[in-house]
Amino acid sequence: MDVAAWLHGLGLGRYEHAFRENDVDAGVLADLTADDLIELGITSIGHRRKLLAAIATLRSGSVPETAPAAPSSAAVPGKALLAPEGERRQLTVMFVDLVDSTALAGQLDPEEMAEVLRTYQSAVAGAIARFEGHVWAMVCWPISAIRAPTRMRPNAPCALDLPRS
């Protein structure tokens, strides 16, 4: 197993020199402890946690020891490599539709339908805003919204029940 490629695959290639200077090879890697990582000069708690989790995965054998080498920037000419340290965030995408809107449009005159749509769009936009969302597209009665929460809300409603007028 190429320890340098493994570190780069974790987005922690900056520690390659410390691992090499301290003779950390594939045989030693699985036995490293948190104290060992501190002695290697890894002061970031986040980086130590990431390394310890990856080492635990190596110990469990769920990832092959011969991890593929990280691609070099020369492997893809003209393309910059993306950093593997990107942050993941939860995103909610919502599509809202007015039930029986086609039948309703056939029963109302255009001015009345326009008023129904304005009321509907206002109610939906208000509900989306209450949950820190953003209306992405509002075309007639289908409405698309997105939400990237600042905190998790495990009991948030998954549907809106708007009153009929």
Protein backbone atom coordinates (compact mmCIF):
# COMPACT_ATOMS: atom_id res chain seq x y z
CA MET A 1 0.00 0.00 0.00
CA ASP A 2 1.26 3.45 -0.91
CA VAL A 3 0.95 5.52 2.29
CA ALA A 4 1.55 8.80 0.43
CA ALA A 5 -1.30 8.04 -2.01
CA TRP A 6 -3.51 7.02 0.92
CA LEU A 7 -2.83 10.34 2.67
CA HIS A 8 -3.52 12.31 -0.51
CA GLY A 9 -6.73 10.33 -1.02
CA LEU A 10 -7.86 11.51 2.43
CA GLY A 11 -6.96 15.09 1.53
CA LEU A 12 -4.12 15.01 4.07
CA GLY A 13 -1.13 14.93 1.73
CA ARG A 14 0.51 17.70 3.74
CA TYR A 15 1.56 15.02 6.27
CA GLU A 16 3.34 12.84 3.72
CA HIS A 17 6.76 14.21 4.73
CA ALA A 18 6.15 13.53 8.46
CA PHE A 19 5.06 9.95 7.73
CA ARG A 20 8.11 9.36 5.52
CA GLU A 21 10.53 10.97 8.01
CA ASN A 22 9.20 8.69 10.77
CA ASP A 23 9.26 5.53 8.63
CA VAL A 24 5.49 5.03 8.72
CA ASP A 25 4.83 2.45 6.05
CA ALA A 26 1.90 0.14 5.32
CA GLY A 27 3.03 -2.29 8.02
CA VAL A 28 3.05 0.38 10.74
CA LEU A 29 0.07 2.41 9.57
CA ALA A 30 -2.65 0.17 11.02
CA ASP A 31 -1.02 0.33 14.49
CA LEU A 32 -0.86 4.13 14.78
CA THR A 33 -2.59 5.69 17.80
CA ALA A 34 -3.77 9.22 18.56
CA ASP A 35 -0.56 9.79 20.55
CA ASP A 36 1.51 8.63 17.58
CA LEU A 37 -0.28 11.13 15.35
CA ILE A 38 0.47 13.94 17.81
CA GLU A 39 4.15 12.91 17.81
CA LEU A 40 4.06 13.05 14.02
CA GLY A 41 3.08 16.72 14.34
CA ILE A 42 -0.58 16.40 13.43
CA THR A 43 -2.01 19.06 15.73
CA SER A 44 -5.42 19.42 14.12
CA ILE A 45 -8.00 17.39 16.02
CA GLY A 46 -10.10 17.10 12.87
CA HIS A 47 -7.18 15.69 10.89
CA ARG A 48 -6.32 13.24 13.68
CA ARG A 49 -9.96 12.07 13.83
CA LYS A 50 -10.04 11.64 10.06
CA LEU A 51 -6.81 9.65 10.12
CA LEU A 52 -7.93 7.47 13.05
CA ALA A 53 -11.22 6.68 11.29
CA ALA A 54 -9.38 5.76 8.08
CA ILE A 55 -6.90 3.62 10.07
CA ALA A 56 -9.81 1.84 11.76
CA THR A 57 -11.25 1.12 8.32
CA LEU A 58 -7.91 -0.34 7.28
CA ARG A 59 -7.86 -2.53 10.39
CA SER A 60 -11.36 -3.83 9.72
CA GLY A 61 -10.34 -4.78 6.20
CA SER A 62 -13.37 -3.12 4.57
CA VAL A 63 -11.04 -1.20 2.27
CA PRO A 64 -8.31 -3.00 0.35
CA GLU A 65 -4.81 -2.27 1.58
CA THR A 66 -3.69 -1.58 -1.94
CA ALA A 67 -5.58 1.64 -2.40
CA PRO A 68 -5.24 3.09 -5.88
CA ALA A 69 -2.75 5.88 -6.21
CA ALA A 70 -4.19 9.37 -6.30
CA PRO A 71 -4.37 10.69 -9.85
CA SER A 72 -1.76 13.26 -10.70
CA SER A 73 -2.71 16.60 -12.20
CA ALA A 74 -0.85 15.48 -15.33
CA ALA A 75 -3.29 12.59 -15.73
CA VAL A 76 -6.06 14.96 -16.78
CA PRO A 77 -4.54 17.68 -18.95
CA GLY A 78 -6.21 21.06 -18.61
CA LYS A 79 -8.36 19.96 -15.66
CA ALA A 80 -7.68 21.02 -12.09
CA LEU A 81 -8.27 18.37 -9.45
CA LEU A 82 -10.95 19.08 -6.88
CA ALA A 83 -9.87 19.00 -3.25
CA PRO A 84 -11.27 15.93 -1.48
CA GLU A 85 -11.80 18.01 1.67
CA GLY A 86 -15.09 19.50 0.48
CA GLU A 87 -17.83 20.09 3.01
CA ARG A 88 -21.06 18.12 2.71
CA ARG A 89 -24.30 19.86 3.53
CA GLN A 90 -27.84 18.65 3.59
CA LEU A 91 -30.10 20.15 0.96
CA THR A 92 -33.85 19.80 0.75
CA VAL A 93 -35.53 20.13 -2.65
CA MET A 94 -39.28 20.54 -2.74
CA PHE A 95 -41.79 20.58 -5.59
CA VAL A 96 -45.22 21.92 -4.68
CA ASP A 97 -48.26 21.50 -6.93
CA LEU A 98 -51.84 22.71 -6.61
CA VAL A 99 -54.15 19.68 -6.44
CA ASP A 100 -56.88 19.59 -9.13
CA SER A 101 -55.62 22.87 -10.59
CA THR A 102 -56.53 21.92 -14.17
CA ALA A 103 -60.13 21.19 -13.21
CA LEU A 104 -60.24 24.39 -11.15
CA ALA A 105 -58.92 26.46 -14.08
CA GLY A 106 -61.73 25.09 -16.25
CA GLN A 107 -64.35 26.19 -13.71
CA LEU A 108 -63.11 29.74 -13.00
CA ASP A 109 -62.70 32.70 -15.27
CA PRO A 110 -59.10 33.90 -15.85
CA GLU A 111 -59.28 36.75 -13.30
CA GLU A 112 -60.58 34.46 -10.56
CA MET A 113 -57.94 31.84 -11.37
CA ALA A 114 -55.23 34.49 -11.27
CA GLU A 115 -56.39 35.52 -7.78
CA VAL A 116 -56.41 31.86 -6.63
CA LEU A 117 -52.87 31.45 -7.98
CA ARG A 118 -51.62 34.62 -6.27
CA THR A 119 -53.11 33.48 -2.95
CA TYR A 120 -51.66 29.99 -3.40
CA GLN A 121 -48.20 31.28 -4.36
CA SER A 122 -48.16 33.70 -1.43
CA ALA A 123 -49.18 30.99 1.06
CA VAL A 124 -46.57 28.52 -0.24
CA ALA A 125 -43.80 31.14 -0.36
CA GLY A 126 -44.62 32.15 3.22
CA ALA A 127 -44.47 28.53 4.41
CA ILE A 128 -41.15 27.98 2.63
CA ALA A 129 -39.71 31.17 4.17
CA ARG A 130 -40.78 30.06 7.67
CA PHE A 131 -38.51 27.03 7.26
CA GLU A 132 -35.60 29.18 5.99
CA GLY A 133 -36.10 27.99 2.41
CA HIS A 134 -35.78 29.82 -0.87
CA VAL A 135 -38.27 29.71 -3.75
CA TRP A 136 -36.25 28.58 -6.71
CA ALA A 137 -38.91 28.73 -9.42
CA MET A 138 -42.54 29.82 -9.43
CA VAL A 139 -44.15 29.06 -12.78
CA CYS A 140 -47.93 29.20 -12.65
CA TRP A 141 -48.94 26.74 -9.90
CA PRO A 142 -45.98 24.33 -9.68
CA ILE A 143 -43.42 25.80 -7.28
CA SER A 144 -39.88 24.51 -6.74
CA ALA A 145 -38.01 25.36 -3.57
CA ILE A 146 -34.66 24.56 -2.02
CA ARG A 147 -33.46 24.68 1.56
CA ALA A 148 -29.99 24.32 3.02
CA PRO A 149 -30.66 24.24 6.76
CA THR A 150 -28.34 25.86 9.27
CA ARG A 151 -29.35 23.19 11.77
CA MET A 152 -31.08 19.84 11.59
CA ARG A 153 -34.81 19.69 12.18
CA PRO A 154 -35.71 16.03 12.56
CA ASN A 155 -39.41 16.72 13.16
CA ALA A 156 -39.97 19.23 10.35
CA PRO A 157 -43.18 18.59 8.39
CA CYS A 158 -42.71 16.89 5.04
CA ALA A 159 -45.89 18.34 3.52
CA LEU A 160 -47.81 21.58 3.68
CA ASP A 161 -51.54 21.53 4.28
CA LEU A 162 -52.79 24.87 3.05
CA PRO A 163 -56.36 25.85 3.96
CA ARG A 164 -58.92 25.88 1.18
CA SER A 165 -60.81 29.13 0.80
